[in-house]
Amino acid sequence: MVPVAVVRSLRPGSGRPGPPPPPLRGNTIFLKGNLIFMDKELIEKAFEEFGITTEIRCEEAFAICEKYDIPKMDIARYCNRHDPKIKIRACQLGCFK
């Protein structure tokens, strides 16, 4: 694994290094290119506590984000990358039914 101090993203269009990545927590997922840090274990724990297995409502996702201090995008990424995918239902923006 690459040491955290060395890993940096580039600011779009500038070619200069951006801010350092956030500190690592738990079981972190790294993706190539753009850096994405996600605490998979914490999300799994939250989903288990809320009884989420195949689908999640926005209301539940927001509650998990607030209770566990997890960014909303991490919840969305986890749902999309989970096998099988976890469907987002009852979207508060009307994007998913």
Protein backbone atom coordinates (compact mmCIF):
# COMPACT_ATOMS: atom_id res chain seq x y z
CA MET A 1 0.00 0.00 0.00
CA VAL A 2 1.20 3.53 -0.79
CA PRO A 3 1.91 5.64 2.31
CA VAL A 4 -0.78 8.24 2.92
CA ALA A 5 1.73 11.10 2.89
CA VAL A 6 2.63 10.29 -0.73
CA VAL A 7 -0.91 9.88 -2.06
CA ARG A 8 -2.37 13.16 -3.33
CA SER A 9 -4.90 14.15 -5.93
CA LEU A 10 -4.35 16.88 -8.50
CA ARG A 11 -6.45 19.98 -8.53
CA PRO A 12 -8.43 20.01 -11.78
CA GLY A 13 -6.67 21.97 -14.49
CA SER A 14 -3.77 23.15 -12.34
CA GLY A 15 -1.46 20.13 -12.39
CA ARG A 16 -0.58 21.01 -8.79
CA PRO A 17 -1.17 18.70 -5.85
CA GLY A 18 -4.43 19.15 -4.01
CA PRO A 19 -4.98 18.82 -0.31
CA PRO A 20 -3.81 15.64 1.41
CA PRO A 21 -6.36 12.83 1.69
CA PRO A 22 -8.42 12.43 4.85
CA PRO A 23 -7.03 10.16 7.56
CA LEU A 24 -7.72 6.46 7.10
CA ARG A 25 -10.39 4.79 9.21
CA GLY A 26 -11.35 1.14 9.40
CA ASN A 27 -11.49 -0.88 6.20
CA THR A 28 -10.79 1.83 3.63
CA ILE A 29 -11.39 1.39 -0.09
CA PHE A 30 -8.94 2.94 -2.57
CA LEU A 31 -9.87 3.47 -6.21
CA LYS A 32 -7.51 4.35 -9.05
CA GLY A 33 -7.38 7.88 -10.40
CA ASN A 34 -9.49 10.03 -8.13
CA LEU A 35 -8.97 9.10 -4.54
CA ILE A 36 -11.98 7.76 -2.73
CA PHE A 37 -11.80 6.83 0.92
CA MET A 38 -14.70 4.94 2.38
CA ASP A 39 -14.99 3.27 5.77
CA LYS A 40 -16.57 0.04 4.59
CA GLU A 41 -16.69 -1.60 8.03
CA LEU A 42 -18.49 1.37 9.58
CA ILE A 43 -21.06 1.45 6.77
CA GLU A 44 -21.61 -2.31 7.05
CA LYS A 45 -22.11 -1.96 10.81
CA ALA A 46 -24.63 0.86 10.30
CA PHE A 47 -26.53 -1.07 7.61
CA GLU A 48 -26.67 -4.13 9.84
CA GLU A 49 -28.00 -2.07 12.75
CA PHE A 50 -30.67 -0.50 10.51
CA GLY A 51 -31.54 -3.89 8.93
CA ILE A 52 -30.56 -2.81 5.42
CA THR A 53 -29.78 -5.67 3.03
CA THR A 54 -31.15 -5.02 -0.48
CA GLU A 55 -32.58 -1.49 -0.45
CA ILE A 56 -32.34 1.75 1.51
CA ARG A 57 -34.62 4.77 1.70
CA CYS A 58 -33.13 8.27 1.61
CA GLU A 59 -34.55 8.86 5.07
CA GLU A 60 -32.54 5.89 6.39
CA ALA A 61 -29.40 6.96 4.52
CA PHE A 62 -29.61 10.47 6.00
CA ALA A 63 -30.14 9.03 9.50
CA ILE A 64 -27.08 6.78 9.11
CA CYS A 65 -25.00 9.72 7.86
CA GLU A 66 -25.93 11.80 10.86
CA LYS A 67 -25.60 9.06 13.48
CA TYR A 68 -22.26 7.67 12.25
CA ASP A 69 -20.77 10.86 10.72
CA ILE A 70 -20.50 9.24 7.28
CA PRO A 71 -20.64 11.45 4.16
CA LYS A 72 -23.75 10.92 2.03
CA MET A 73 -21.61 10.19 -1.04
CA ASP A 74 -19.91 7.32 0.82
CA ILE A 75 -23.31 5.75 1.44
CA ALA A 76 -24.18 6.14 -2.27
CA ARG A 77 -20.81 4.71 -3.38
CA TYR A 78 -21.16 1.77 -1.03
CA CYS A 79 -24.66 1.01 -2.34
CA ASN A 80 -23.40 1.11 -5.94
CA ARG A 81 -20.30 -1.01 -5.27
CA HIS A 82 -21.94 -3.57 -2.97
CA ASP A 83 -22.52 -6.97 -4.55
CA PRO A 84 -25.45 -7.25 -5.10
CA LYS A 85 -26.13 -3.53 -5.36
CA ILE A 86 -28.27 -1.95 -2.69
CA LYS A 87 -31.12 -0.05 -4.33
CA ILE A 88 -31.96 3.47 -3.20
CA ARG A 89 -35.71 3.91 -2.73
CA ALA A 90 -38.03 6.75 -1.71
CA CYS A 91 -35.54 9.41 -2.84
CA GLN A 92 -36.20 12.79 -1.27
CA LEU A 93 -35.21 14.47 -4.56
CA GLY A 94 -37.42 12.21 -6.67
CA CYS A 95 -34.46 10.60 -8.48
CA PHE A 96 -35.28 7.04 -7.36
CA LYS A 97 -38.76 5.63 -6.74
